[in-house]
């Protein structure tokens, strides 16, 4: 199992770098070429979400991205350190909180549309989005 860990300051301009690194590592891990655009888009959405949460919360800690190559699968986990409050369906939200919640839901919907295997976790000490794709076995060179 090979793992690449990427940490970057919560600034929007670093999201592009995370997307490029994720695509390169996914290609090396054996993710199908036809799926690499989806990997890039999903990672970009997850990283943009984490950057936004850090900026809104005034969090100076870096956004963490783990790229994990396992047998027959490749996973990317994007973590943030923002406190995620749980709101019930009837709980009143301020206008700003409501806009942020809608944007968050939209981002998660986009990710879910791009990736079949997504796990989202959130708590008072941060959250993560873990996305997994299947990999092809390495090609055997014939001589």
N, C-alpha and C. Protein backbone atom coordinates (compact mmCIF):
# COMPACT_ATOMS: atom_id res chain seq x y z
N UNK A 1 0.84 -1.17 0.00
CA UNK A 1 0.00 0.00 0.00
C UNK A 1 0.89 1.24 0.00
N UNK A 2 0.69 2.09 -1.00
CA UNK A 2 1.45 3.33 -1.10
C UNK A 2 0.53 4.50 -0.76
N UNK A 3 1.06 5.47 -0.03
CA UNK A 3 0.28 6.64 0.35
C UNK A 3 1.06 7.91 0.06
N UNK A 4 0.37 8.88 -0.51
CA UNK A 4 0.94 10.21 -0.72
C UNK A 4 0.10 11.14 0.12
N UNK A 5 0.74 11.98 0.92
CA UNK A 5 0.01 12.95 1.73
C UNK A 5 0.37 14.34 1.24
N UNK A 6 -0.67 15.14 1.03
CA UNK A 6 -0.51 16.51 0.57
C UNK A 6 -1.20 17.42 1.57
N UNK A 7 -0.51 18.46 1.99
CA UNK A 7 -1.09 19.47 2.88
C UNK A 7 -0.87 20.82 2.22
N UNK A 8 -1.92 21.63 2.24
CA UNK A 8 -1.76 22.95 1.65
C UNK A 8 -2.55 23.99 2.43
N UNK A 9 -2.05 25.22 2.39
CA UNK A 9 -2.74 26.33 3.03
C UNK A 9 -4.13 26.47 2.42
N UNK A 10 -5.09 26.83 3.25
CA UNK A 10 -6.48 26.91 2.80
C UNK A 10 -6.70 28.15 1.93
N UNK A 11 -6.12 28.08 0.74
CA UNK A 11 -6.25 29.16 -0.24
C UNK A 11 -6.74 28.56 -1.56
N UNK A 12 -7.69 29.20 -2.22
CA UNK A 12 -8.26 28.64 -3.45
C UNK A 12 -7.22 28.33 -4.52
N UNK A 13 -6.14 29.10 -4.60
CA UNK A 13 -5.15 28.88 -5.64
C UNK A 13 -4.40 27.55 -5.49
N UNK A 14 -4.47 26.93 -4.33
CA UNK A 14 -3.79 25.64 -4.14
C UNK A 14 -4.65 24.45 -4.55
N UNK A 15 -5.93 24.68 -4.79
CA UNK A 15 -6.83 23.59 -5.17
C UNK A 15 -6.40 22.99 -6.51
N UNK A 16 -5.99 23.83 -7.44
CA UNK A 16 -5.55 23.34 -8.76
C UNK A 16 -4.36 22.38 -8.61
N UNK A 17 -3.43 22.71 -7.76
CA UNK A 17 -2.28 21.84 -7.53
C UNK A 17 -2.73 20.49 -6.97
N UNK A 18 -3.66 20.52 -6.02
CA UNK A 18 -4.18 19.27 -5.45
C UNK A 18 -4.83 18.41 -6.53
N UNK A 19 -5.58 19.05 -7.44
CA UNK A 19 -6.22 18.32 -8.54
C UNK A 19 -5.19 17.65 -9.43
N UNK A 20 -4.13 18.39 -9.78
CA UNK A 20 -3.10 17.84 -10.66
C UNK A 20 -2.35 16.69 -10.01
N UNK A 21 -2.01 16.85 -8.73
CA UNK A 21 -1.32 15.78 -8.00
C UNK A 21 -2.22 14.54 -7.92
N UNK A 22 -3.48 14.74 -7.59
CA UNK A 22 -4.42 13.61 -7.47
C UNK A 22 -4.53 12.85 -8.79
N UNK A 23 -4.64 13.56 -9.89
CA UNK A 23 -4.76 12.91 -11.20
C UNK A 23 -3.49 12.13 -11.54
N UNK A 24 -2.34 12.70 -11.25
CA UNK A 24 -1.07 12.03 -11.54
C UNK A 24 -0.92 10.75 -10.71
N UNK A 25 -1.24 10.83 -9.44
CA UNK A 25 -1.11 9.66 -8.56
C UNK A 25 -2.16 8.61 -8.94
N UNK A 26 -3.37 9.05 -9.29
CA UNK A 26 -4.42 8.11 -9.70
C UNK A 26 -4.01 7.37 -10.97
N UNK A 27 -3.42 8.08 -11.92
CA UNK A 27 -2.95 7.45 -13.16
C UNK A 27 -1.89 6.39 -12.84
N UNK A 28 -0.95 6.75 -11.98
CA UNK A 28 0.12 5.81 -11.60
C UNK A 28 -0.44 4.60 -10.87
N UNK A 29 -1.52 4.81 -10.10
CA UNK A 29 -2.12 3.72 -9.33
C UNK A 29 -2.93 2.76 -10.20
N UNK A 30 -3.25 3.18 -11.44
CA UNK A 30 -3.98 2.28 -12.33
C UNK A 30 -5.45 2.62 -12.50
N UNK A 31 -5.85 3.83 -12.11
CA UNK A 31 -7.23 4.26 -12.35
C UNK A 31 -7.39 4.44 -13.85
N UNK A 32 -8.52 3.98 -14.38
CA UNK A 32 -8.80 4.04 -15.81
C UNK A 32 -8.69 5.48 -16.32
N UNK A 33 -8.04 5.65 -17.48
CA UNK A 33 -7.85 6.98 -18.07
C UNK A 33 -9.18 7.72 -18.26
N UNK A 34 -10.23 6.99 -18.58
CA UNK A 34 -11.54 7.60 -18.83
C UNK A 34 -12.14 8.22 -17.57
N UNK A 35 -11.63 7.82 -16.40
CA UNK A 35 -12.17 8.28 -15.12
C UNK A 35 -11.35 9.43 -14.53
N UNK A 36 -10.19 9.71 -15.10
CA UNK A 36 -9.29 10.71 -14.51
C UNK A 36 -9.91 12.11 -14.44
N UNK A 37 -10.74 12.48 -15.42
CA UNK A 37 -11.41 13.79 -15.34
C UNK A 37 -12.34 13.84 -14.14
N UNK A 38 -13.03 12.74 -13.87
CA UNK A 38 -13.91 12.67 -12.70
C UNK A 38 -13.11 12.78 -11.41
N UNK A 39 -11.95 12.15 -11.38
CA UNK A 39 -11.07 12.24 -10.20
C UNK A 39 -10.69 13.71 -9.98
N UNK A 40 -10.24 14.37 -11.04
CA UNK A 40 -9.84 15.78 -10.94
C UNK A 40 -11.00 16.65 -10.44
N UNK A 41 -12.17 16.48 -11.03
CA UNK A 41 -13.32 17.29 -10.64
C UNK A 41 -13.74 17.03 -9.20
N UNK A 42 -13.79 15.77 -8.81
CA UNK A 42 -14.21 15.42 -7.46
C UNK A 42 -13.23 15.95 -6.42
N UNK A 43 -11.94 15.81 -6.69
CA UNK A 43 -10.93 16.32 -5.76
C UNK A 43 -10.99 17.84 -5.70
N UNK A 44 -11.19 18.48 -6.83
CA UNK A 44 -11.31 19.93 -6.84
C UNK A 44 -12.50 20.39 -6.01
N UNK A 45 -13.62 19.71 -6.14
CA UNK A 45 -14.82 20.07 -5.38
C UNK A 45 -14.59 19.84 -3.88
N UNK A 46 -14.01 18.70 -3.52
CA UNK A 46 -13.77 18.39 -2.11
C UNK A 46 -12.76 19.37 -1.49
N UNK A 47 -11.71 19.70 -2.23
CA UNK A 47 -10.70 20.64 -1.72
C UNK A 47 -11.28 22.05 -1.61
N UNK A 48 -12.06 22.46 -2.60
CA UNK A 48 -12.69 23.79 -2.55
C UNK A 48 -13.62 23.88 -1.34
N UNK A 49 -14.34 22.82 -1.06
CA UNK A 49 -15.23 22.78 0.11
C UNK A 49 -14.42 22.95 1.40
N UNK A 50 -13.31 22.19 1.50
CA UNK A 50 -12.47 22.26 2.71
C UNK A 50 -11.85 23.65 2.86
N UNK A 51 -11.38 24.24 1.75
CA UNK A 51 -10.81 25.59 1.79
C UNK A 51 -11.87 26.57 2.28
N UNK A 52 -13.06 26.48 1.75
CA UNK A 52 -14.14 27.38 2.16
C UNK A 52 -14.47 27.24 3.64
N UNK A 53 -14.54 26.02 4.12
CA UNK A 53 -14.82 25.80 5.54
C UNK A 53 -13.73 26.38 6.43
N UNK A 54 -12.48 26.23 6.02
CA UNK A 54 -11.36 26.79 6.78
C UNK A 54 -11.43 28.31 6.78
N UNK A 55 -11.71 28.89 5.62
CA UNK A 55 -11.75 30.35 5.54
C UNK A 55 -12.91 30.92 6.35
N UNK A 56 -14.07 30.30 6.26
CA UNK A 56 -15.23 30.77 7.03
C UNK A 56 -14.96 30.66 8.53
N UNK A 57 -14.33 29.57 8.94
CA UNK A 57 -14.06 29.34 10.35
C UNK A 57 -12.81 30.03 10.87
N UNK A 58 -12.07 30.70 10.00
CA UNK A 58 -10.83 31.35 10.43
C UNK A 58 -9.78 30.36 10.88
N UNK A 59 -9.73 29.20 10.25
CA UNK A 59 -8.81 28.13 10.64
C UNK A 59 -7.52 28.25 9.83
N UNK A 60 -6.39 28.29 10.52
CA UNK A 60 -5.12 28.44 9.83
C UNK A 60 -4.46 27.10 9.50
N UNK A 61 -4.99 26.02 10.02
CA UNK A 61 -4.42 24.69 9.75
C UNK A 61 -4.55 24.36 8.27
N UNK A 62 -3.63 23.56 7.75
CA UNK A 62 -3.71 23.22 6.33
C UNK A 62 -4.84 22.22 6.04
N UNK A 63 -5.27 22.20 4.78
CA UNK A 63 -6.19 21.18 4.29
C UNK A 63 -5.33 19.95 4.02
N UNK A 64 -5.83 18.77 4.37
CA UNK A 64 -5.06 17.53 4.20
C UNK A 64 -5.70 16.66 3.12
N UNK A 65 -4.85 16.14 2.24
CA UNK A 65 -5.30 15.24 1.20
C UNK A 65 -4.43 13.99 1.26
N UNK A 66 -5.09 12.85 1.44
CA UNK A 66 -4.38 11.56 1.46
C UNK A 66 -4.74 10.81 0.18
N UNK A 67 -3.74 10.37 -0.55
CA UNK A 67 -3.92 9.60 -1.78
C UNK A 67 -3.41 8.20 -1.48
N UNK A 68 -4.32 7.23 -1.46
CA UNK A 68 -3.99 5.90 -0.96
C UNK A 68 -4.18 4.85 -2.05
N UNK A 69 -3.09 4.19 -2.40
CA UNK A 69 -3.13 3.12 -3.40
C UNK A 69 -3.15 1.79 -2.67
N UNK A 70 -4.23 1.05 -2.87
CA UNK A 70 -4.37 -0.27 -2.27
C UNK A 70 -4.57 -1.29 -3.38
N UNK A 71 -4.62 -2.55 -3.00
CA UNK A 71 -4.84 -3.58 -3.99
C UNK A 71 -6.25 -3.43 -4.56
N UNK A 72 -6.34 -3.24 -5.86
CA UNK A 72 -7.60 -3.15 -6.60
C UNK A 72 -8.40 -1.87 -6.38
N UNK A 73 -7.86 -0.90 -5.61
CA UNK A 73 -8.59 0.36 -5.46
C UNK A 73 -7.64 1.50 -5.12
N UNK A 74 -8.13 2.69 -5.43
CA UNK A 74 -7.40 3.93 -5.16
C UNK A 74 -8.36 4.86 -4.43
N UNK A 75 -7.92 5.42 -3.30
CA UNK A 75 -8.78 6.29 -2.50
C UNK A 75 -8.12 7.64 -2.30
N UNK A 76 -8.96 8.65 -2.21
CA UNK A 76 -8.51 10.00 -1.89
C UNK A 76 -9.38 10.48 -0.73
N UNK A 77 -8.72 10.94 0.32
CA UNK A 77 -9.44 11.47 1.47
C UNK A 77 -9.03 12.93 1.67
N UNK A 78 -10.02 13.81 1.64
CA UNK A 78 -9.78 15.24 1.84
C UNK A 78 -10.33 15.58 3.21
N UNK A 79 -9.45 16.10 4.08
CA UNK A 79 -9.86 16.40 5.45
C UNK A 79 -9.78 17.88 5.77
N UNK A 80 -10.70 18.30 6.60
CA UNK A 80 -10.69 19.68 7.08
C UNK A 80 -10.73 19.66 8.60
N UNK A 81 -10.46 20.80 9.22
CA UNK A 81 -10.49 20.90 10.68
C UNK A 81 -11.59 21.83 11.16
N UNK A 82 -12.59 22.06 10.31
CA UNK A 82 -13.70 22.93 10.67
C UNK A 82 -14.71 22.18 11.52
N UNK A 83 -15.25 22.86 12.51
CA UNK A 83 -16.30 22.27 13.34
C UNK A 83 -17.57 22.20 12.51
N UNK A 84 -18.16 21.03 12.44
CA UNK A 84 -19.38 20.82 11.68
C UNK A 84 -20.52 20.67 12.67
N UNK A 85 -21.33 21.69 12.75
CA UNK A 85 -22.48 21.65 13.66
C UNK A 85 -23.58 20.82 13.02
N UNK A 86 -24.27 20.06 13.84
CA UNK A 86 -25.38 19.28 13.31
C UNK A 86 -26.66 20.06 13.52
N UNK A 87 -27.38 20.24 12.44
CA UNK A 87 -28.65 20.96 12.48
C UNK A 87 -29.76 20.00 12.13
N UNK A 88 -30.80 20.02 12.91
CA UNK A 88 -31.97 19.21 12.62
C UNK A 88 -32.83 19.90 11.57
N UNK A 89 -33.79 19.18 10.98
CA UNK A 89 -34.62 19.76 9.93
C UNK A 89 -35.40 21.00 10.38
N UNK A 90 -35.77 21.09 11.63
CA UNK A 90 -36.56 22.23 12.09
C UNK A 90 -35.75 23.32 12.75
N UNK A 91 -34.43 23.13 12.87
CA UNK A 91 -33.60 24.12 13.54
C UNK A 91 -33.50 25.39 12.71
N UNK A 92 -33.68 26.57 13.33
CA UNK A 92 -33.56 27.81 12.57
C UNK A 92 -32.09 28.10 12.25
N UNK A 93 -31.85 28.57 11.03
CA UNK A 93 -30.51 28.95 10.61
C UNK A 93 -30.54 30.42 10.20
N UNK A 94 -29.43 31.11 10.44
CA UNK A 94 -29.31 32.48 9.95
C UNK A 94 -29.15 32.45 8.44
N UNK A 95 -29.31 33.60 7.79
CA UNK A 95 -29.20 33.68 6.34
C UNK A 95 -27.83 33.20 5.85
N UNK A 96 -26.78 33.61 6.56
CA UNK A 96 -25.42 33.21 6.17
C UNK A 96 -25.24 31.71 6.34
N UNK A 97 -25.67 31.16 7.46
CA UNK A 97 -25.55 29.72 7.70
C UNK A 97 -26.34 28.93 6.67
N UNK A 98 -27.53 29.45 6.30
CA UNK A 98 -28.36 28.76 5.33
C UNK A 98 -27.68 28.73 3.96
N UNK A 99 -27.08 29.83 3.55
CA UNK A 99 -26.37 29.90 2.27
C UNK A 99 -25.18 28.95 2.27
N UNK A 100 -24.45 28.90 3.38
CA UNK A 100 -23.30 28.00 3.50
C UNK A 100 -23.76 26.55 3.45
N UNK A 101 -24.85 26.23 4.13
CA UNK A 101 -25.37 24.87 4.14
C UNK A 101 -25.80 24.44 2.75
N UNK A 102 -26.45 25.34 2.01
CA UNK A 102 -26.87 25.02 0.64
C UNK A 102 -25.67 24.79 -0.26
N UNK A 103 -24.64 25.62 -0.13
CA UNK A 103 -23.43 25.47 -0.94
C UNK A 103 -22.74 24.15 -0.61
N UNK A 104 -22.70 23.81 0.67
CA UNK A 104 -22.09 22.57 1.12
C UNK A 104 -22.84 21.37 0.54
N UNK A 105 -24.15 21.40 0.61
CA UNK A 105 -24.96 20.31 0.06
C UNK A 105 -24.76 20.18 -1.44
N UNK A 106 -24.66 21.30 -2.14
CA UNK A 106 -24.45 21.28 -3.59
C UNK A 106 -23.11 20.64 -3.91
N UNK A 107 -22.06 21.01 -3.18
CA UNK A 107 -20.74 20.42 -3.40
C UNK A 107 -20.74 18.92 -3.17
N UNK A 108 -21.41 18.48 -2.10
CA UNK A 108 -21.48 17.05 -1.82
C UNK A 108 -22.29 16.32 -2.89
N UNK A 109 -23.33 16.97 -3.43
CA UNK A 109 -24.13 16.36 -4.49
C UNK A 109 -23.29 16.19 -5.76
N UNK A 110 -22.47 17.18 -6.07
CA UNK A 110 -21.59 17.09 -7.25
C UNK A 110 -20.62 15.93 -7.08
N UNK A 111 -20.01 15.84 -5.90
CA UNK A 111 -19.06 14.75 -5.64
C UNK A 111 -19.75 13.39 -5.75
N UNK A 112 -20.93 13.27 -5.16
CA UNK A 112 -21.68 12.01 -5.22
C UNK A 112 -22.05 11.64 -6.65
N UNK A 113 -22.26 12.63 -7.50
CA UNK A 113 -22.55 12.37 -8.90
C UNK A 113 -21.34 11.91 -9.69
N UNK A 114 -20.15 12.27 -9.23
CA UNK A 114 -18.92 11.91 -9.93
C UNK A 114 -18.31 10.60 -9.44
N UNK A 115 -18.54 10.27 -8.18
CA UNK A 115 -17.87 9.13 -7.57
C UNK A 115 -18.91 8.16 -7.01
N UNK A 116 -18.77 6.88 -7.36
CA UNK A 116 -19.73 5.88 -6.88
C UNK A 116 -19.55 5.56 -5.40
N UNK A 117 -18.31 5.55 -4.93
CA UNK A 117 -18.03 5.17 -3.55
C UNK A 117 -17.52 6.39 -2.78
N UNK A 118 -18.43 7.05 -2.05
CA UNK A 118 -18.09 8.25 -1.28
C UNK A 118 -18.52 8.06 0.16
N UNK A 119 -17.64 8.43 1.08
CA UNK A 119 -17.97 8.40 2.51
C UNK A 119 -17.69 9.79 3.07
N UNK A 120 -18.69 10.37 3.71
CA UNK A 120 -18.55 11.70 4.30
C UNK A 120 -18.69 11.57 5.80
N UNK A 121 -17.74 12.14 6.53
CA UNK A 121 -17.85 12.16 7.98
C UNK A 121 -17.59 13.59 8.45
N UNK A 122 -18.29 13.98 9.49
CA UNK A 122 -18.15 15.34 10.01
C UNK A 122 -18.45 15.35 11.50
N UNK A 123 -17.71 16.16 12.22
CA UNK A 123 -17.90 16.28 13.65
C UNK A 123 -17.42 17.63 14.12
N UNK A 124 -17.37 17.78 15.42
CA UNK A 124 -16.97 19.08 15.96
C UNK A 124 -15.48 19.38 15.79
N UNK A 125 -14.66 18.36 15.47
CA UNK A 125 -13.22 18.58 15.30
C UNK A 125 -12.77 18.48 13.85
N UNK A 126 -13.71 18.45 12.93
CA UNK A 126 -13.34 18.40 11.52
C UNK A 126 -14.13 17.34 10.78
N UNK A 127 -13.87 17.27 9.50
CA UNK A 127 -14.58 16.31 8.68
C UNK A 127 -13.70 15.79 7.56
N UNK A 128 -14.23 14.80 6.84
CA UNK A 128 -13.48 14.27 5.71
C UNK A 128 -14.44 13.72 4.66
N UNK A 129 -13.94 13.72 3.45
CA UNK A 129 -14.63 13.10 2.33
C UNK A 129 -13.66 12.07 1.77
N UNK A 130 -14.08 10.81 1.76
CA UNK A 130 -13.24 9.74 1.21
C UNK A 130 -13.90 9.23 -0.05
N UNK A 131 -13.15 9.25 -1.14
CA UNK A 131 -13.63 8.83 -2.44
C UNK A 131 -12.76 7.67 -2.92
N UNK A 132 -13.40 6.64 -3.48
CA UNK A 132 -12.66 5.45 -3.89
C UNK A 132 -13.03 5.05 -5.31
N UNK A 133 -12.01 4.66 -6.08
CA UNK A 133 -12.18 4.20 -7.45
C UNK A 133 -11.47 2.85 -7.61
N UNK A 134 -11.98 1.99 -8.49
CA UNK A 134 -11.29 0.73 -8.75
C UNK A 134 -10.05 0.97 -9.62
N UNK A 135 -9.09 0.08 -9.51
CA UNK A 135 -7.90 0.17 -10.35
C UNK A 135 -7.78 -1.09 -11.18
N UNK A 136 -7.10 -0.96 -12.29
CA UNK A 136 -6.84 -2.12 -13.15
C UNK A 136 -5.52 -2.74 -12.72
N UNK A 137 -5.40 -4.06 -12.88
CA UNK A 137 -4.11 -4.68 -12.57
C UNK A 137 -3.06 -4.17 -13.54
N UNK A 138 -1.80 -4.10 -13.09
CA UNK A 138 -0.75 -3.60 -13.98
C UNK A 138 -0.61 -4.51 -15.20
N UNK A 139 -0.35 -3.90 -16.34
CA UNK A 139 -0.19 -4.65 -17.58
C UNK A 139 1.12 -5.44 -17.54
N UNK A 140 1.08 -6.63 -18.07
CA UNK A 140 2.27 -7.47 -18.12
C UNK A 140 2.94 -7.25 -19.47
N UNK A 141 4.19 -6.89 -19.43
CA UNK A 141 4.94 -6.65 -20.68
C UNK A 141 5.33 -7.99 -21.31
N UNK A 142 5.05 -8.13 -22.57
CA UNK A 142 5.43 -9.34 -23.31
C UNK A 142 6.72 -9.05 -24.05
N UNK A 143 7.61 -10.04 -24.06
CA UNK A 143 8.87 -9.81 -24.77
C UNK A 143 8.99 -10.68 -25.96
